[in-house]
Amino acid sequence: MRAYLFGSALREASSPNDLDVLIVYQIGSLSGVHALADRLRKIDTLPLVEVIALNEEEECETNFIESVGAKEFWRD
């Protein structure tokens, strides 16, 4: 599982609209994704944390990481 930051937090570091996080996971590990997403959403921050999850195949098909310029910040 890997986590990436993207969106206004990278473009407008001083005043982002929210913290967009992408979680990329292996097929079959969805329960771990839900647990991580729940923990991220419970972080008491302003701006709020928004989580998107894609399995590795979906990310490859959509090329999401490259298309939005996401930056990896965590790897399990």
Protein backbone atom coordinates (compact mmCIF):
# COMPACT_ATOMS: atom_id res chain seq x y z
CA MET A 1 0.00 0.00 0.00
CA ARG A 2 1.22 3.49 -0.86
CA ALA A 3 -0.15 6.95 -0.08
CA TYR A 4 0.22 10.05 -2.26
CA LEU A 5 -0.58 13.71 -1.77
CA PHE A 6 -2.07 15.65 -4.70
CA GLY A 7 -4.22 18.64 -5.53
CA SER A 8 -4.25 22.08 -3.96
CA ALA A 9 -1.97 21.01 -1.08
CA LEU A 10 0.85 20.69 -3.64
CA ARG A 11 -0.13 23.65 -5.82
CA GLU A 12 -1.09 26.10 -3.06
CA ALA A 13 0.95 24.95 -0.06
CA SER A 14 0.19 28.05 2.02
CA SER A 15 -3.60 27.80 1.71
CA PRO A 16 -4.83 24.46 0.30
CA ASN A 17 -8.57 23.83 -0.06
CA ASP A 18 -8.17 20.34 1.39
CA LEU A 19 -5.60 17.57 1.72
CA ASP A 20 -6.17 15.15 -1.15
CA VAL A 21 -4.73 11.70 -0.46
CA LEU A 22 -4.60 8.80 -2.91
CA ILE A 23 -4.15 5.30 -1.52
CA VAL A 24 -2.91 2.69 -4.01
CA TYR A 25 -3.39 -0.88 -2.82
CA GLN A 26 -3.04 -4.47 -3.95
CA ILE A 27 -6.22 -6.30 -4.84
CA GLY A 28 -7.38 -8.22 -1.79
CA SER A 29 -6.24 -5.67 0.79
CA LEU A 30 -9.31 -3.45 0.79
CA SER A 31 -9.92 -3.84 4.53
CA GLY A 32 -6.50 -2.30 5.23
CA VAL A 33 -7.37 0.56 2.89
CA HIS A 34 -10.59 1.25 4.79
CA ALA A 35 -8.70 1.27 8.11
CA LEU A 36 -6.06 3.68 6.79
CA ALA A 37 -8.66 5.95 5.16
CA ASP A 38 -10.66 6.07 8.40
CA ARG A 39 -7.53 7.05 10.37
CA LEU A 40 -6.65 9.77 7.86
CA ARG A 41 -10.18 11.19 7.88
CA LYS A 42 -10.18 11.35 11.68
CA ILE A 43 -7.09 13.56 11.78
CA ASP A 44 -8.30 16.88 13.16
CA THR A 45 -6.93 19.24 10.55
CA LEU A 46 -8.07 22.23 8.62
CA PRO A 47 -8.22 21.79 5.74
CA LEU A 48 -9.98 18.44 5.81
CA VAL A 49 -8.45 15.23 4.48
CA GLU A 50 -10.13 13.76 1.37
CA VAL A 51 -9.19 10.16 0.51
CA ILE A 52 -9.38 8.36 -2.84
CA ALA A 53 -8.42 4.69 -3.17
CA LEU A 54 -7.43 2.84 -6.34
CA ASN A 55 -6.08 -0.66 -6.66
CA GLU A 56 -2.83 -1.04 -8.59
CA GLU A 57 -4.61 -2.10 -11.79
CA GLU A 58 -6.98 0.90 -11.66
CA GLU A 59 -4.06 3.26 -11.14
CA CYS A 60 -2.22 1.76 -14.13
CA GLU A 61 -5.33 2.02 -16.32
CA THR A 62 -6.01 5.64 -15.38
CA ASN A 63 -2.41 6.82 -14.89
CA PHE A 64 -3.84 8.89 -12.03
CA ILE A 65 -0.56 9.53 -10.19
CA GLU A 66 1.16 11.05 -13.19
CA SER A 67 -1.93 12.86 -14.49
CA VAL A 68 -2.39 14.82 -11.23
CA GLY A 69 1.29 15.10 -10.29
CA ALA A 70 0.82 13.17 -7.04
CA LYS A 71 3.77 12.80 -4.66
CA GLU A 72 4.30 9.65 -2.59
CA PHE A 73 4.57 10.28 1.15
CA TRP A 74 4.06 6.82 2.69
CA ARG A 75 4.72 3.19 1.74
CA ASP A 76 3.92 0.02 3.64
